[in-house]
C-alpha atoms as a PDB file:
ATOM      1  CA  MET A   1      -9.132-270.178 -75.773  1.00  0.00           C
ATOM      2  CA  ASN A   2     -10.681-271.267 -79.093  1.00  0.00           C
ATOM      3  CA  ALA A   3      -9.530-268.028 -80.733  1.00  0.00           C
ATOM      4  CA  PHE A   4      -5.995-268.773 -79.535  1.00  0.00           C
ATOM      5  CA  PHE A   5      -6.066-272.258 -81.052  1.00  0.00           C
ATOM      6  CA  VAL A   6      -7.450-270.981 -84.359  1.00  0.00           C
ATOM      7  CA  SER A   7      -4.749-268.326 -84.477  1.00  0.00           C
ATOM      8  CA  ALA A   8      -2.077-270.942 -83.732  1.00  0.00           C
ATOM      9  CA  LEU A   9      -3.510-273.126 -86.511  1.00  0.00           C
ATOM     10  CA  GLN A  10      -3.225-270.291 -89.002  1.00  0.00           C
ATOM     11  CA  GLN A  11       0.314-269.543 -87.923  1.00  0.00           C
ATOM     12  CA  TYR A  12       1.839-273.010 -87.488  1.00  0.00           C
ATOM     13  CA  GLY A  13      -0.398-275.233 -89.612  1.00  0.00           C
ATOM     14  CA  TYR A  14      -0.499-279.017 -89.565  1.00  0.00           C
ATOM     15  CA  PRO A  15       1.721-279.674 -86.493  1.00  0.00           C
ATOM     16  CA  VAL A  16      -0.541-277.561 -84.280  1.00  0.00           C
ATOM     17  CA  LEU A  17      -3.618-279.301 -85.648  1.00  0.00           C
ATOM     18  CA  TRP A  18      -2.112-282.719 -84.907  1.00  0.00           C
ATOM     19  CA  LEU A  19      -1.087-281.736 -81.368  1.00  0.00           C
ATOM     20  CA  ILE A  20      -4.408-280.157 -80.368  1.00  0.00           C
ATOM     21  CA  VAL A  21      -6.543-282.982 -81.771  1.00  0.00           C
ATOM     22  CA  PHE A  22      -4.271-285.489 -80.038  1.00  0.00           C
ATOM     23  CA  VAL A  23      -4.571-283.738 -76.660  1.00  0.00           C
ATOM     24  CA  ALA A  24      -8.362-283.456 -77.040  1.00  0.00           C
ATOM     25  CA  ALA A  25      -8.621-287.174 -77.879  1.00  0.00           C
ATOM     26  CA  VAL A  26      -6.695-288.108 -74.725  1.00  0.00           C
ATOM     27  CA  GLY A  27      -9.452-286.418 -72.716  1.00  0.00           C
ATOM     28  CA  ILE A  28      -8.252-282.875 -72.045  1.00  0.00           C
ATOM     29  CA  PRO A  29     -11.349-280.612 -72.246  1.00  0.00           C
ATOM     30  CA  ILE A  30     -10.504-278.628 -75.372  1.00  0.00           C
ATOM     31  CA  SER A  31     -12.396-278.613 -78.656  1.00  0.00           C
ATOM     32  CA  GLY A  32     -10.472-280.504 -81.287  1.00  0.00           C
ATOM     33  CA  SER A  33     -13.624-280.752 -83.398  1.00  0.00           C
ATOM     34  CA  LEU A  34     -13.943-276.962 -83.617  1.00  0.00           C
ATOM     35  CA  LEU A  35     -10.394-276.764 -84.918  1.00  0.00           C
ATOM     36  CA  LEU A  36     -11.262-279.261 -87.650  1.00  0.00           C
ATOM     37  CA  PHE A  37     -14.143-277.038 -88.768  1.00  0.00           C
ATOM     38  CA  ALA A  38     -11.699-274.138 -88.945  1.00  0.00           C
ATOM     39  CA  ALA A  39      -9.117-276.213 -90.822  1.00  0.00           C
ATOM     40  CA  GLY A  40     -11.734-277.235 -93.390  1.00  0.00           C
ATOM     41  CA  ALA A  41     -12.707-273.602 -93.901  1.00  0.00           C
ATOM     42  CA  PHE A  42      -9.061-272.554 -94.298  1.00  0.00           C
ATOM     43  CA  ALA A  43      -8.625-275.337 -96.849  1.00  0.00           C
ATOM     44  CA  ALA A  44     -11.457-273.815 -98.879  1.00  0.00           C
ATOM     45  CA  PHE A  45      -9.542-270.532 -98.853  1.00  0.00           C
ATOM     46  CA  GLY A  46      -6.402-272.293-100.078  1.00  0.00           C
ATOM     47  CA  ASP A  47      -4.400-272.300 -96.842  1.00  0.00           C
ATOM     48  CA  PHE A  48      -4.486-276.092 -96.362  1.00  0.00           C
ATOM     49  CA  ASN A  49      -4.881-279.241 -98.416  1.00  0.00           C
ATOM     50  CA  LEU A  50      -7.810-281.501 -97.519  1.00  0.00           C
ATOM     51  CA  LEU A  51      -5.879-284.579 -98.633  1.00  0.00           C
ATOM     52  CA  ILE A  52      -3.273-283.783 -95.984  1.00  0.00           C
ATOM     53  CA  LEU A  53      -5.707-282.598 -93.326  1.00  0.00           C
ATOM     54  CA  PHE A  54      -7.593-285.882 -93.253  1.00  0.00           C
ATOM     55  CA  PRO A  55      -4.658-288.205 -92.388  1.00  0.00           C
ATOM     56  CA  VAL A  56      -3.296-285.633 -89.929  1.00  0.00           C
ATOM     57  CA  ALA A  57      -6.639-285.445 -88.117  1.00  0.00           C
ATOM     58  CA  LEU A  58      -7.245-289.196 -88.187  1.00  0.00           C
ATOM     59  CA  SER A  59      -3.769-290.199 -86.996  1.00  0.00           C
ATOM     60  CA  SER A  60      -3.737-287.681 -84.149  1.00  0.00           C
ATOM     61  CA  ALA A  61      -7.200-288.677 -82.912  1.00  0.00           C
ATOM     62  CA  VAL A  62      -6.502-292.425 -83.055  1.00  0.00           C
ATOM     63  CA  THR A  63      -3.159-291.968 -81.277  1.00  0.00           C
ATOM     64  CA  GLY A  64      -4.759-289.886 -78.524  1.00  0.00           C
ATOM     65  CA  ASP A  65      -7.547-292.428 -78.086  1.00  0.00           C
ATOM     66  CA  ALA A  66      -4.984-295.233 -77.791  1.00  0.00           C
ATOM     67  CA  LEU A  67      -3.117-293.329 -75.079  1.00  0.00           C
ATOM     68  CA  GLY A  68      -6.333-292.798 -73.108  1.00  0.00           C
ATOM     69  CA  TYR A  69      -7.180-296.494 -73.470  1.00  0.00           C
ATOM     70  CA  PHE A  70      -3.814-297.679 -72.174  1.00  0.00           C
ATOM     71  CA  ILE A  71      -3.861-295.188 -69.292  1.00  0.00           C
ATOM     72  CA  GLY A  72      -7.203-296.674 -68.234  1.00  0.00           C
ATOM     73  CA  ARG A  73      -5.860-300.184 -68.634  1.00  0.00           C
ATOM     74  CA  ARG A  74      -2.812-299.355 -66.515  1.00  0.00           C
ATOM     75  CA  VAL A  75      -4.253-297.345 -63.627  1.00  0.00           C
ATOM     76  CA  GLY A  76      -7.990-298.018 -63.884  1.00  0.00           C
ATOM     77  CA  THR A  77      -8.251-301.038 -61.561  1.00  0.00           C
ATOM     78  CA  PRO A  78      -6.373-299.428 -58.622  1.00  0.00           C
ATOM     79  CA  LEU A  79      -8.402-296.259 -59.160  1.00  0.00           C
ATOM     80  CA  LEU A  80     -11.685-298.168 -58.956  1.00  0.00           C
ATOM     81  CA  ALA A  81     -10.502-299.937 -55.807  1.00  0.00           C
ATOM     82  CA  TRP A  82      -9.693-296.556 -54.249  1.00  0.00           C
ATOM     83  CA  PHE A  83     -13.072-295.190 -55.340  1.00  0.00           C
ATOM     84  CA  GLU A  84     -14.933-298.065 -53.680  1.00  0.00           C
ATOM     85  CA  ARG A  85     -13.077-297.450 -50.385  1.00  0.00           C
ATOM     86  CA  GLN A  86     -14.053-293.790 -50.195  1.00  0.00           C
ATOM     87  CA  LYS A  87     -16.926-293.164 -47.788  1.00  0.00           C
ATOM     88  CA  ARG A  88     -17.756-289.859 -49.448  1.00  0.00           C
ATOM     89  CA  PHE A  89     -18.966-291.776 -52.513  1.00  0.00           C
ATOM     90  CA  ARG A  90     -21.249-294.155 -50.605  1.00  0.00           C
ATOM     91  CA  PHE A  91     -24.246-292.778 -52.530  1.00  0.00           C
ATOM     92  CA  ILE A  92     -22.925-294.949 -55.416  1.00  0.00           C
ATOM     93  CA  SER A  93     -23.179-298.486 -54.115  1.00  0.00           C
ATOM     94  CA  GLY A  94     -20.890-301.283 -55.206  1.00  0.00           C
ATOM     95  CA  GLN A  95     -23.843-303.037 -56.814  1.00  0.00           C
ATOM     96  CA  THR A  96     -24.705-299.930 -58.832  1.00  0.00           C
ATOM     97  CA  LEU A  97     -21.104-299.612 -59.943  1.00  0.00           C
ATOM     98  CA  GLN A  98     -20.987-303.245 -61.036  1.00  0.00           C
ATOM     99  CA  ARG A  99     -24.231-302.882 -62.980  1.00  0.00           C
ATOM    100  CA  GLY A 100     -22.849-299.816 -64.722  1.00  0.00           C
ATOM    101  CA  ARG A 101     -19.664-301.626 -65.678  1.00  0.00           C
ATOM    102  CA  ALA A 102     -21.621-304.610 -66.979  1.00  0.00           C
ATOM    103  CA  TYR A 103     -23.828-302.319 -69.070  1.00  0.00           C
ATOM    104  CA  PHE A 104     -20.776-300.588 -70.535  1.00  0.00           C
ATOM    105  CA  ARG A 105     -19.241-303.939 -71.489  1.00  0.00           C
ATOM    106  CA  ARG A 106     -22.412-304.825 -73.394  1.00  0.00           C
ATOM    107  CA  LYS A 107     -22.584-301.475 -75.221  1.00  0.00           C
ATOM    108  CA  ALA A 108     -18.868-300.678 -75.490  1.00  0.00           C
ATOM    109  CA  ALA A 109     -18.652-300.984 -79.281  1.00  0.00           C
ATOM    110  CA  TRP A 110     -21.438-298.483 -79.914  1.00  0.00           C
ATOM    111  CA  ALA A 111     -20.163-296.175 -77.175  1.00  0.00           C
ATOM    112  CA  ILE A 112     -16.702-296.099 -78.750  1.00  0.00           C
ATOM    113  CA  PHE A 113     -18.102-295.500 -82.228  1.00  0.00           C
ATOM    114  CA  ILE A 114     -20.608-292.744 -81.391  1.00  0.00           C
ATOM    115  CA  THR A 115     -18.284-290.761 -79.135  1.00  0.00           C
ATOM    116  CA  ARG A 116     -15.760-290.378 -81.949  1.00  0.00           C
ATOM    117  CA  PHE A 117     -17.888-288.014 -84.040  1.00  0.00           C
ATOM    118  CA  LEU A 118     -21.227-287.249 -82.371  1.00  0.00           C
ATOM    119  CA  ILE A 119     -20.847-287.063 -78.576  1.00  0.00           C
ATOM    120  CA  VAL A 120     -17.170-286.160 -78.663  1.00  0.00           C
ATOM    121  CA  ALA A 121     -17.162-284.741 -75.124  1.00  0.00           C
ATOM    122  CA  LEU A 122     -17.471-288.322 -73.839  1.00  0.00           C
ATOM    123  CA  GLY A 123     -14.687-289.667 -76.038  1.00  0.00           C
ATOM    124  CA  GLY A 124     -11.948-289.382 -73.413  1.00  0.00           C
ATOM    125  CA  PRO A 125     -13.950-291.017 -70.581  1.00  0.00           C
ATOM    126  CA  THR A 126     -15.039-293.782 -72.965  1.00  0.00           C
ATOM    127  CA  ASN A 127     -11.412-294.543 -73.858  1.00  0.00           C
ATOM    128  CA  PHE A 128     -10.547-294.688 -70.169  1.00  0.00           C
ATOM    129  CA  LEU A 129     -13.468-296.981 -69.348  1.00  0.00           C
ATOM    130  CA  ALA A 130     -12.635-299.297 -72.246  1.00  0.00           C
ATOM    131  CA  GLY A 131      -9.128-299.616 -70.833  1.00  0.00           C
ATOM    132  CA  ILE A 132     -10.391-300.264 -67.310  1.00  0.00           C
ATOM    133  CA  GLU A 133     -12.672-303.039 -68.558  1.00  0.00           C
ATOM    134  CA  ARG A 134      -9.814-304.442 -70.668  1.00  0.00           C
ATOM    135  CA  TYR A 135     -11.929-304.301 -73.788  1.00  0.00           C
ATOM    136  CA  PRO A 136      -9.916-306.102 -76.521  1.00  0.00           C
ATOM    137  CA  TYR A 137      -7.681-303.486 -78.096  1.00  0.00           C
ATOM    138  CA  LEU A 138      -8.071-304.714 -81.674  1.00  0.00           C
ATOM    139  CA  ARG A 139     -11.851-304.337 -81.353  1.00  0.00           C
ATOM    140  CA  PHE A 140     -11.364-300.960 -79.733  1.00  0.00           C
ATOM    141  CA  LEU A 141      -9.071-299.912 -82.588  1.00  0.00           C
ATOM    142  CA  CYS A 142     -11.552-301.092 -85.221  1.00  0.00           C
ATOM    143  CA  TRP A 143     -14.470-299.119 -83.776  1.00  0.00           C
ATOM    144  CA  ASP A 144     -12.184-296.193 -83.004  1.00  0.00           C
ATOM    145  CA  VAL A 145     -10.855-295.865 -86.551  1.00  0.00           C
ATOM    146  CA  SER A 146     -14.355-296.266 -87.982  1.00  0.00           C
ATOM    147  CA  GLY A 147     -15.745-293.526 -85.767  1.00  0.00           C
ATOM    148  CA  GLN A 148     -12.767-291.200 -86.101  1.00  0.00           C
ATOM    149  CA  THR A 149     -12.975-291.449 -89.881  1.00  0.00           C
ATOM    150  CA  LEU A 150     -16.395-289.824 -89.612  1.00  0.00           C
ATOM    151  CA  GLY A 151     -15.038-287.584 -86.866  1.00  0.00           C
ATOM    152  CA  ALA A 152     -12.555-286.148 -89.364  1.00  0.00           C
ATOM    153  CA  ILE A 153     -14.688-286.145 -92.526  1.00  0.00           C
ATOM    154  CA  ILE A 154     -17.751-284.431 -91.024  1.00  0.00           C
ATOM    155  CA  PRO A 155     -16.126-281.286 -89.554  1.00  0.00           C
ATOM    156  CA  LEU A 156     -13.557-280.946 -92.326  1.00  0.00           C
ATOM    157  CA  GLY A 157     -16.234-281.386 -94.981  1.00  0.00           C
ATOM    158  CA  LEU A 158     -18.734-279.014 -93.361  1.00  0.00           C
ATOM    159  CA  GLY A 159     -16.019-276.436 -92.731  1.00  0.00           C
ATOM    160  CA  TYR A 160     -14.917-276.688 -96.354  1.00  0.00           C
ATOM    161  CA  ALA A 161     -18.469-276.490 -97.723  1.00  0.00           C
ATOM    162  CA  PHE A 162     -19.524-273.572 -95.495  1.00  0.00           C
ATOM    163  CA  ALA A 163     -16.198-271.804 -95.251  1.00  0.00           C
ATOM    164  CA  ALA A 164     -17.646-268.306 -94.959  1.00  0.00           C
ATOM    165  CA  SER A 165     -19.798-269.276 -91.957  1.00  0.00           C
ATOM    166  CA  TRP A 166     -17.901-272.206 -90.448  1.00  0.00           C
ATOM    167  CA  GLU A 167     -18.291-270.925 -86.882  1.00  0.00           C
ATOM    168  CA  GLU A 168     -22.087-270.874 -87.156  1.00  0.00           C
ATOM    169  CA  VAL A 169     -22.091-274.349 -88.698  1.00  0.00           C
ATOM    170  CA  ALA A 170     -19.845-275.632 -85.899  1.00  0.00           C
ATOM    171  CA  ALA A 171     -22.223-274.142 -83.301  1.00  0.00           C
ATOM    172  CA  ILE A 172     -25.245-275.778 -84.966  1.00  0.00           C
ATOM    173  CA  PHE A 173     -23.479-279.125 -85.061  1.00  0.00           C
ATOM    174  CA  GLY A 174     -22.534-278.755 -81.393  1.00  0.00           C
ATOM    175  CA  THR A 175     -26.165-278.008 -80.507  1.00  0.00           C
ATOM    176  CA  PHE A 176     -27.308-281.050 -82.467  1.00  0.00           C
ATOM    177  CA  SER A 177     -24.779-283.218 -80.623  1.00  0.00           C
ATOM    178  CA  GLY A 178     -25.985-281.926 -77.269  1.00  0.00           C
ATOM    179  CA  PHE A 179     -29.615-282.550 -78.222  1.00  0.00           C
ATOM    180  CA  PHE A 180     -28.765-286.081 -79.343  1.00  0.00           C
ATOM    181  CA  PHE A 181     -27.008-286.743 -76.025  1.00  0.00           C
ATOM    182  CA  VAL A 182     -29.995-285.520 -73.986  1.00  0.00           C
ATOM    183  CA  LEU A 183     -32.350-287.594 -76.133  1.00  0.00           C
ATOM    184  CA  LEU A 184     -30.163-290.674 -75.699  1.00  0.00           C
ATOM    185  CA  VAL A 185     -30.056-290.255 -71.909  1.00  0.00           C
ATOM    186  CA  ALA A 186     -33.836-289.783 -71.794  1.00  0.00           C
ATOM    187  CA  LEU A 187     -34.329-292.912 -73.898  1.00  0.00           C
ATOM    188  CA  LEU A 188     -32.050-295.010 -71.676  1.00  0.00           C
ATOM    189  CA  LEU A 189     -33.783-293.789 -68.520  1.00  0.00           C
ATOM    190  CA  SER A 190     -37.184-294.551 -70.053  1.00  0.00           C
ATOM    191  CA  VAL A 191     -36.095-298.081 -70.936  1.00  0.00           C
ATOM    192  CA  GLN A 192     -34.822-298.651 -67.396  1.00  0.00           C
ATOM    193  CA  LEU A 193     -38.062-297.293 -65.923  1.00  0.00           C
ATOM    194  CA  VAL A 194     -40.200-299.558 -68.121  1.00  0.00           C
ATOM    195  CA  ARG A 195     -38.097-302.576 -67.114  1.00  0.00           C
ATOM    196  CA  LYS A 196     -38.475-301.734 -63.426  1.00  0.00           C
ATOM    197  CA  LEU A 197     -42.252-301.357 -63.790  1.00  0.00           C
ATOM    198  CA  ARG A 198     -42.518-304.670 -65.645  1.00  0.00           C
ATOM    199  CA  GLN A 199     -40.430-306.453 -63.010  1.00  0.00           C
ATOM    200  CA  SER A 200     -42.561-304.976 -60.220  1.00  0.00           C
ATOM    201  CA  LYS A 201     -45.748-305.997 -62.030  1.00  0.00           C
ATOM    202  CA  SER A 202     -44.416-309.523 -62.593  1.00  0.00           C
ATOM    203  CA  VAL A 203     -43.532-309.911 -58.908  1.00  0.00           C
ATOM    204  CA  SER A 204     -46.967-308.672 -57.829  1.00  0.00           C
ATOM    205  CA  LEU A 205     -48.708-311.018 -60.284  1.00  0.00           C
ATOM    206  CA  ALA A 206     -46.614-313.996 -59.085  1.00  0.00           C
ATOM    207  CA  LYS A 207     -47.537-313.253 -55.462  1.00  0.00           C
ATOM    208  CA  THR A 208     -51.226-313.000 -56.350  1.00  0.00           C
ATOM    209  CA  GLU A 209     -51.179-316.326 -58.213  1.00  0.00           C
ATOM    210  CA  ALA A 210     -49.315-318.004 -55.347  1.00  0.00           C
ATOM    211  CA  ASN A 211     -51.954-316.801 -52.837  1.00  0.00           C
ATOM    212  CA  GLU A 212     -54.797-318.038 -55.042  1.00  0.00           C
ATOM    213  CA  GLU A 213     -53.268-321.507 -55.307  1.00  0.00           C
ATOM    214  CA  LEU A 214     -53.043-322.006 -51.509  1.00  0.00           C
ATOM    215  CA  PRO A 215     -55.855-324.344 -50.193  1.00  0.00           C
ATOM    216  CA  PRO A 216     -58.255-322.797 -47.673  1.00  0.00           C
ATOM    217  CA  LEU A 217     -57.677-323.715 -44.041  1.00  0.00           C
ATOM    218  CA  GLU A 218     -60.466-325.911 -42.518  1.00  0.00           C
ATOM    219  CA  SER A 219     -61.532-325.522 -38.938  1.00  0.00           C
ATOM    220  CA  LYS A 220     -60.538-328.402 -36.685  1.00  0.00           C
ATOM    221  CA  THR A 221     -63.273-327.686 -34.121  1.00  0.00           C
ATOM    222  CA  GLY A 222     -66.855-328.680 -34.462  1.00  0.00           C
ATOM    223  CA  GLY A 223     -69.846-330.383 -32.923  1.00  0.00           C
ATOM    224  CA  GLY A 224     -68.938-333.855 -34.177  1.00  0.00           C
ATOM    225  CA  SER A 225     -66.191-334.453 -31.656  1.00  0.00           C
ATOM    226  CA  ASP A 226     -66.916-336.880 -28.793  1.00  0.00           C
ATOM    227  CA  SER A 227     -66.598-335.617 -25.270  1.00  0.00           C
ATOM    228  CA  LEU A 228     -63.967-337.157 -23.067  1.00  0.00           C
ATOM    229  CA  PRO A 229     -65.185-339.592 -20.412  1.00  0.00           C
ATOM    230  CA  ILE A 230     -65.248-338.322 -16.834  1.00  0.00           C
ATOM    231  CA  LEU A 231     -63.520-340.594 -14.363  1.00  0.00           C
ATOM    232  CA  ASP A 232     -65.050-341.011 -10.898  1.00  0.00           C
END
């Protein structure tokens, strides 16, 4: 598949680059980033112009991201309602889903930015989620353009600088991205685990303090009580 796209890039040039990067940005699982590495390498060989490649790559990526955002904004709410009604997904509770959505709203800006150039495989789902949560589009656009600027410069620049071995450089960058993603997930899970342990410890400590503050119960029976008189 990648060989086909690279061949099409060599044959048809900028329009193919724009179309493939656009489709990848919408969320279709194809590698637009790999094609940018190839385009940078071909520019080093004189087949393309970097000053044209950059706006082509940036405009196609931003347009594709916008389409994914508005699709999520349009159909996301009914889709979530359908998801919550499905019994097969009961292992994801409504409370868990709400917590996940709240966490995304808090971290949406960074999620949008990072998935433009580093964890690009999550770019499409992030666009969709931002639309579902009705994240303000102007903010989305700001973070999107900022991230996609790096998303165009990095692969084009590395492909241009290492033209003779651009495929190896692209593979190394992909490995680094995967490692960063695993590290990020591990860090988030560790933070959640520490919070849970602290909450559990706080609850246990509060219970212990509450038990210590309770006054001891005194016995109501004893030898000092008078016996009742016996009536004849």
